[in-house]
N, C-alpha and C. Protein backbone atom coordinates (compact mmCIF):
# COMPACT_ATOMS: atom_id res chain seq x y z
N MET A 1 -25.84 10.67 6.80
CA MET A 1 -25.22 9.41 6.52
C MET A 1 -24.44 8.95 7.75
N THR A 2 -24.68 7.74 8.19
CA THR A 2 -23.98 7.23 9.36
C THR A 2 -22.78 6.42 8.92
N ASN A 3 -21.78 6.40 9.78
CA ASN A 3 -20.56 5.65 9.50
C ASN A 3 -20.58 4.41 10.36
N GLN A 4 -21.15 3.32 9.84
CA GLN A 4 -21.24 2.08 10.59
C GLN A 4 -20.21 1.09 10.08
N ARG A 5 -19.63 0.38 11.00
CA ARG A 5 -18.66 -0.65 10.64
C ARG A 5 -19.40 -1.90 10.21
N GLN A 6 -19.06 -2.41 9.04
CA GLN A 6 -19.68 -3.62 8.54
C GLN A 6 -18.82 -4.80 8.95
N GLU A 7 -19.42 -5.76 9.66
CA GLU A 7 -18.68 -6.92 10.12
C GLU A 7 -19.17 -8.15 9.40
N GLY A 8 -18.34 -9.15 9.38
CA GLY A 8 -18.68 -10.40 8.74
C GLY A 8 -17.71 -10.72 7.63
N TRP A 9 -17.90 -11.87 7.02
CA TRP A 9 -17.02 -12.33 5.97
C TRP A 9 -17.28 -11.57 4.69
N ILE A 10 -16.22 -11.13 4.05
CA ILE A 10 -16.32 -10.45 2.77
C ILE A 10 -15.57 -11.29 1.75
N ARG A 11 -16.24 -11.65 0.67
CA ARG A 11 -15.64 -12.50 -0.35
C ARG A 11 -14.47 -11.79 -1.04
N SER A 12 -13.40 -12.53 -1.28
CA SER A 12 -12.25 -12.00 -2.00
C SER A 12 -12.59 -11.86 -3.47
N LEU A 13 -11.79 -11.06 -4.16
CA LEU A 13 -11.92 -10.96 -5.61
C LEU A 13 -11.58 -12.29 -6.23
N ALA A 14 -12.05 -12.55 -7.44
CA ALA A 14 -11.76 -13.81 -8.12
C ALA A 14 -10.25 -14.03 -8.20
N ALA A 15 -9.83 -15.23 -7.90
CA ALA A 15 -8.42 -15.65 -7.94
C ALA A 15 -7.55 -14.91 -6.91
N GLU A 16 -8.15 -14.28 -5.93
CA GLU A 16 -7.39 -13.59 -4.90
C GLU A 16 -7.38 -14.43 -3.63
N VAL A 17 -6.26 -14.42 -2.96
CA VAL A 17 -6.10 -15.10 -1.68
C VAL A 17 -6.23 -14.06 -0.59
N LYS A 18 -6.96 -14.39 0.48
CA LYS A 18 -7.08 -13.49 1.62
C LYS A 18 -6.29 -14.05 2.78
N CYS A 19 -5.52 -13.19 3.42
CA CYS A 19 -4.74 -13.58 4.60
C CYS A 19 -5.28 -12.81 5.80
N ASN A 20 -5.95 -13.50 6.70
CA ASN A 20 -6.42 -12.90 7.94
C ASN A 20 -5.33 -13.03 8.98
N VAL A 21 -5.00 -11.92 9.62
CA VAL A 21 -3.94 -11.88 10.62
C VAL A 21 -4.53 -11.41 11.94
N ASP A 22 -4.21 -12.12 13.01
CA ASP A 22 -4.71 -11.73 14.32
C ASP A 22 -3.62 -12.00 15.36
N ALA A 23 -3.62 -11.20 16.39
CA ALA A 23 -2.68 -11.38 17.49
C ALA A 23 -3.47 -11.55 18.78
N THR A 24 -2.96 -12.39 19.66
CA THR A 24 -3.58 -12.63 20.95
C THR A 24 -2.52 -12.51 22.03
N ILE A 25 -2.85 -11.78 23.08
CA ILE A 25 -1.90 -11.57 24.18
C ILE A 25 -2.34 -12.41 25.38
N PHE A 26 -1.41 -13.18 25.92
CA PHE A 26 -1.67 -14.02 27.08
C PHE A 26 -0.89 -13.46 28.27
N LYS A 27 -1.51 -12.55 28.99
CA LYS A 27 -0.84 -11.85 30.10
C LYS A 27 -0.34 -12.82 31.16
N ASP A 28 -1.19 -13.78 31.54
CA ASP A 28 -0.81 -14.72 32.60
C ASP A 28 0.40 -15.58 32.23
N GLN A 29 0.56 -15.87 30.95
CA GLN A 29 1.68 -16.69 30.51
C GLN A 29 2.87 -15.84 30.07
N GLY A 30 2.69 -14.53 29.98
CA GLY A 30 3.78 -13.63 29.59
C GLY A 30 4.23 -13.79 28.15
N CYS A 31 3.26 -14.02 27.25
CA CYS A 31 3.62 -14.18 25.85
C CYS A 31 2.45 -13.72 24.96
N TYR A 32 2.72 -13.69 23.67
CA TYR A 32 1.65 -13.38 22.72
C TYR A 32 1.85 -14.23 21.47
N GLY A 33 0.75 -14.42 20.76
CA GLY A 33 0.79 -15.25 19.56
C GLY A 33 0.20 -14.52 18.37
N ILE A 34 0.62 -14.96 17.21
CA ILE A 34 0.12 -14.41 15.95
C ILE A 34 -0.42 -15.57 15.12
N ASP A 35 -1.62 -15.38 14.59
CA ASP A 35 -2.24 -16.38 13.74
C ASP A 35 -2.43 -15.79 12.35
N MET A 36 -2.14 -16.58 11.34
CA MET A 36 -2.33 -16.18 9.95
C MET A 36 -3.09 -17.30 9.25
N CYS A 37 -4.14 -16.95 8.53
CA CYS A 37 -4.96 -17.95 7.86
C CYS A 37 -5.23 -17.50 6.42
N LEU A 38 -4.93 -18.38 5.47
CA LEU A 38 -5.18 -18.07 4.06
C LEU A 38 -6.46 -18.76 3.60
N THR A 39 -7.30 -18.00 2.93
CA THR A 39 -8.52 -18.54 2.32
C THR A 39 -8.56 -18.12 0.86
N GLY A 40 -9.24 -18.95 0.07
CA GLY A 40 -9.39 -18.66 -1.35
C GLY A 40 -10.56 -17.74 -1.62
N ASP A 41 -10.83 -17.49 -2.88
CA ASP A 41 -11.88 -16.54 -3.25
C ASP A 41 -13.29 -17.04 -2.96
N ARG A 42 -13.45 -18.31 -2.61
CA ARG A 42 -14.75 -18.84 -2.20
C ARG A 42 -14.82 -19.07 -0.69
N GLY A 43 -13.78 -18.61 0.02
CA GLY A 43 -13.73 -18.75 1.47
C GLY A 43 -13.16 -20.06 1.94
N GLU A 44 -12.65 -20.87 1.04
CA GLU A 44 -12.13 -22.17 1.42
C GLU A 44 -10.75 -22.04 2.09
N PHE A 45 -10.55 -22.85 3.10
CA PHE A 45 -9.28 -22.87 3.82
C PHE A 45 -8.17 -23.34 2.89
N MET A 46 -7.02 -22.63 2.94
CA MET A 46 -5.87 -23.03 2.13
C MET A 46 -4.70 -23.47 3.01
N ARG A 47 -4.29 -22.62 3.94
CA ARG A 47 -3.23 -22.95 4.89
C ARG A 47 -3.22 -21.94 6.02
N ALA A 48 -2.50 -22.28 7.07
CA ALA A 48 -2.43 -21.40 8.24
C ALA A 48 -1.05 -21.50 8.87
N LYS A 49 -0.74 -20.52 9.68
CA LYS A 49 0.54 -20.50 10.38
C LYS A 49 0.36 -19.76 11.70
N THR A 50 1.07 -20.20 12.72
CA THR A 50 1.07 -19.50 14.00
C THR A 50 2.50 -19.23 14.43
N ALA A 51 2.66 -18.23 15.26
CA ALA A 51 3.97 -17.91 15.82
C ALA A 51 3.75 -17.42 17.25
N TRP A 52 4.69 -17.76 18.13
CA TRP A 52 4.62 -17.36 19.54
C TRP A 52 5.85 -16.57 19.92
N TYR A 53 5.65 -15.58 20.79
CA TYR A 53 6.74 -14.72 21.23
C TYR A 53 6.68 -14.55 22.74
N ARG A 54 7.82 -14.60 23.38
CA ARG A 54 7.90 -14.36 24.82
C ARG A 54 7.83 -12.87 25.09
N GLY A 55 7.30 -12.52 26.24
CA GLY A 55 7.16 -11.12 26.61
C GLY A 55 5.78 -10.60 26.28
N LEU A 56 5.45 -9.48 26.87
CA LEU A 56 4.14 -8.88 26.63
C LEU A 56 4.28 -7.73 25.64
N SER A 57 3.25 -7.49 24.90
CA SER A 57 3.25 -6.46 23.87
C SER A 57 1.93 -5.72 23.92
N GLN A 58 1.93 -4.48 23.49
CA GLN A 58 0.68 -3.74 23.33
C GLN A 58 -0.05 -4.34 22.12
N PRO A 59 -1.39 -4.32 22.12
CA PRO A 59 -2.14 -4.92 21.00
C PRO A 59 -1.72 -4.39 19.63
N ASN A 60 -1.54 -3.08 19.50
CA ASN A 60 -1.17 -2.54 18.18
C ASN A 60 0.23 -3.00 17.76
N GLU A 61 1.13 -3.18 18.71
CA GLU A 61 2.47 -3.67 18.38
C GLU A 61 2.44 -5.14 17.97
N ALA A 62 1.61 -5.93 18.65
CA ALA A 62 1.48 -7.34 18.30
C ALA A 62 0.86 -7.48 16.91
N GLU A 63 -0.13 -6.67 16.59
CA GLU A 63 -0.75 -6.70 15.26
C GLU A 63 0.25 -6.29 14.19
N ALA A 64 1.08 -5.28 14.48
CA ALA A 64 2.10 -4.85 13.52
C ALA A 64 3.10 -5.97 13.27
N ARG A 65 3.48 -6.68 14.33
CA ARG A 65 4.40 -7.82 14.15
C ARG A 65 3.72 -8.90 13.32
N GLY A 66 2.42 -9.08 13.55
CA GLY A 66 1.67 -10.05 12.75
C GLY A 66 1.69 -9.70 11.27
N LEU A 67 1.52 -8.43 10.95
CA LEU A 67 1.57 -7.99 9.56
C LEU A 67 2.96 -8.24 8.97
N LYS A 68 3.99 -7.92 9.72
CA LYS A 68 5.36 -8.15 9.26
C LYS A 68 5.60 -9.63 8.98
N GLU A 69 5.19 -10.48 9.91
CA GLU A 69 5.40 -11.92 9.74
C GLU A 69 4.58 -12.47 8.58
N ALA A 70 3.35 -11.96 8.42
CA ALA A 70 2.50 -12.41 7.32
C ALA A 70 3.13 -12.05 5.97
N ARG A 71 3.66 -10.84 5.87
CA ARG A 71 4.29 -10.43 4.61
C ARG A 71 5.51 -11.30 4.30
N LYS A 72 6.30 -11.63 5.32
CA LYS A 72 7.45 -12.52 5.10
C LYS A 72 6.99 -13.90 4.64
N TRP A 73 5.98 -14.44 5.32
CA TRP A 73 5.45 -15.77 4.99
C TRP A 73 4.88 -15.78 3.58
N LEU A 74 4.06 -14.78 3.26
CA LEU A 74 3.45 -14.71 1.94
C LEU A 74 4.50 -14.60 0.83
N GLY A 75 5.60 -13.93 1.12
CA GLY A 75 6.67 -13.82 0.14
C GLY A 75 7.27 -15.16 -0.24
N THR A 76 7.22 -16.12 0.67
CA THR A 76 7.76 -17.45 0.37
C THR A 76 6.76 -18.32 -0.40
N LEU A 77 5.49 -17.94 -0.41
CA LEU A 77 4.44 -18.76 -1.03
C LEU A 77 4.18 -18.42 -2.48
N ARG A 78 4.61 -17.26 -2.93
CA ARG A 78 4.55 -16.85 -4.33
C ARG A 78 3.14 -16.74 -4.92
N TYR A 79 2.20 -16.25 -4.14
CA TYR A 79 0.88 -15.95 -4.68
C TYR A 79 0.95 -14.64 -5.45
N THR A 80 0.12 -14.49 -6.47
CA THR A 80 0.17 -13.27 -7.28
C THR A 80 -0.79 -12.19 -6.79
N SER A 81 -1.85 -12.56 -6.10
CA SER A 81 -2.82 -11.57 -5.62
C SER A 81 -3.29 -11.95 -4.22
N VAL A 82 -2.89 -11.16 -3.24
CA VAL A 82 -3.22 -11.43 -1.84
C VAL A 82 -3.70 -10.14 -1.18
N SER A 83 -4.80 -10.23 -0.43
CA SER A 83 -5.21 -9.12 0.42
C SER A 83 -4.98 -9.55 1.86
N ILE A 84 -4.51 -8.62 2.66
CA ILE A 84 -4.24 -8.90 4.07
C ILE A 84 -5.27 -8.16 4.91
N GLU A 85 -5.87 -8.88 5.85
CA GLU A 85 -6.91 -8.29 6.69
C GLU A 85 -6.47 -8.32 8.15
N LEU A 86 -6.49 -7.14 8.77
CA LEU A 86 -6.19 -7.00 10.20
C LEU A 86 -7.44 -6.52 10.91
N ASP A 87 -7.52 -6.73 12.21
CA ASP A 87 -8.70 -6.25 12.94
C ASP A 87 -8.35 -5.23 14.03
N CYS A 88 -7.16 -4.68 13.98
CA CYS A 88 -6.75 -3.72 15.00
C CYS A 88 -6.92 -2.30 14.47
N LYS A 89 -8.05 -1.68 14.76
CA LYS A 89 -8.34 -0.34 14.27
C LYS A 89 -7.32 0.68 14.75
N GLN A 90 -6.85 0.55 15.98
CA GLN A 90 -5.87 1.50 16.52
C GLN A 90 -4.59 1.47 15.68
N TRP A 91 -4.12 0.29 15.29
CA TRP A 91 -2.91 0.18 14.50
C TRP A 91 -3.12 0.80 13.12
N LEU A 92 -4.25 0.51 12.51
CA LEU A 92 -4.53 1.05 11.18
C LEU A 92 -4.63 2.56 11.20
N THR A 93 -5.32 3.12 12.17
CA THR A 93 -5.47 4.57 12.28
C THR A 93 -4.12 5.24 12.50
N THR A 94 -3.29 4.68 13.37
CA THR A 94 -1.96 5.22 13.64
C THR A 94 -1.10 5.15 12.39
N SER A 95 -1.13 4.02 11.70
CA SER A 95 -0.33 3.85 10.49
C SER A 95 -0.73 4.83 9.41
N LEU A 96 -2.02 5.04 9.24
CA LEU A 96 -2.48 6.00 8.23
C LEU A 96 -2.05 7.41 8.58
N ALA A 97 -2.11 7.76 9.84
CA ALA A 97 -1.72 9.11 10.25
C ALA A 97 -0.24 9.35 9.99
N ILE A 98 0.58 8.33 10.14
CA ILE A 98 2.02 8.45 9.92
C ILE A 98 2.37 8.42 8.44
N SER A 99 1.68 7.57 7.67
CA SER A 99 2.11 7.32 6.30
C SER A 99 1.40 8.16 5.24
N THR A 100 0.36 8.88 5.60
CA THR A 100 -0.34 9.68 4.60
C THR A 100 -0.30 11.15 4.98
N PRO A 101 -0.23 12.03 3.98
CA PRO A 101 -0.21 13.45 4.29
C PRO A 101 -1.52 13.94 4.89
N ASN A 102 -2.61 13.27 4.60
CA ASN A 102 -3.91 13.65 5.13
C ASN A 102 -4.38 12.56 6.09
N PRO A 103 -4.33 12.79 7.42
CA PRO A 103 -4.70 11.76 8.38
C PRO A 103 -6.15 11.29 8.25
N ARG A 104 -6.98 12.01 7.52
CA ARG A 104 -8.36 11.58 7.33
C ARG A 104 -8.50 10.54 6.23
N SER A 105 -7.42 10.28 5.50
CA SER A 105 -7.46 9.29 4.42
C SER A 105 -7.72 7.92 4.99
N THR A 106 -8.33 7.07 4.20
CA THR A 106 -8.57 5.70 4.60
C THR A 106 -8.15 4.78 3.49
N LEU A 107 -8.04 3.51 3.79
CA LEU A 107 -7.69 2.51 2.79
C LEU A 107 -8.90 2.00 2.05
N PHE A 108 -10.10 2.30 2.54
CA PHE A 108 -11.30 1.70 1.97
C PHE A 108 -12.09 2.70 1.18
């Protein structure tokens, strides 16, 4: 059995909102940005938010800040069912190793 990463859009559960979070680092400008986009269970756009920060950050740190900001933002919107999607494998692997007794555990 091979372990292949499946890419592409995955439909949310019924009545669930999906929040895609991404960070981008602009070395030449000395800053980084975080983008958050909410879509409904049919993939329809609902709302989005961006944030900019001065200074440079490692990709996993920028993604972690994106998760923190997304959770704060989502808390103000009062949705009952939200899944958050990140694309930084390094951050996810590090977080799992720290937060779970078995580093081989996964969220999926």
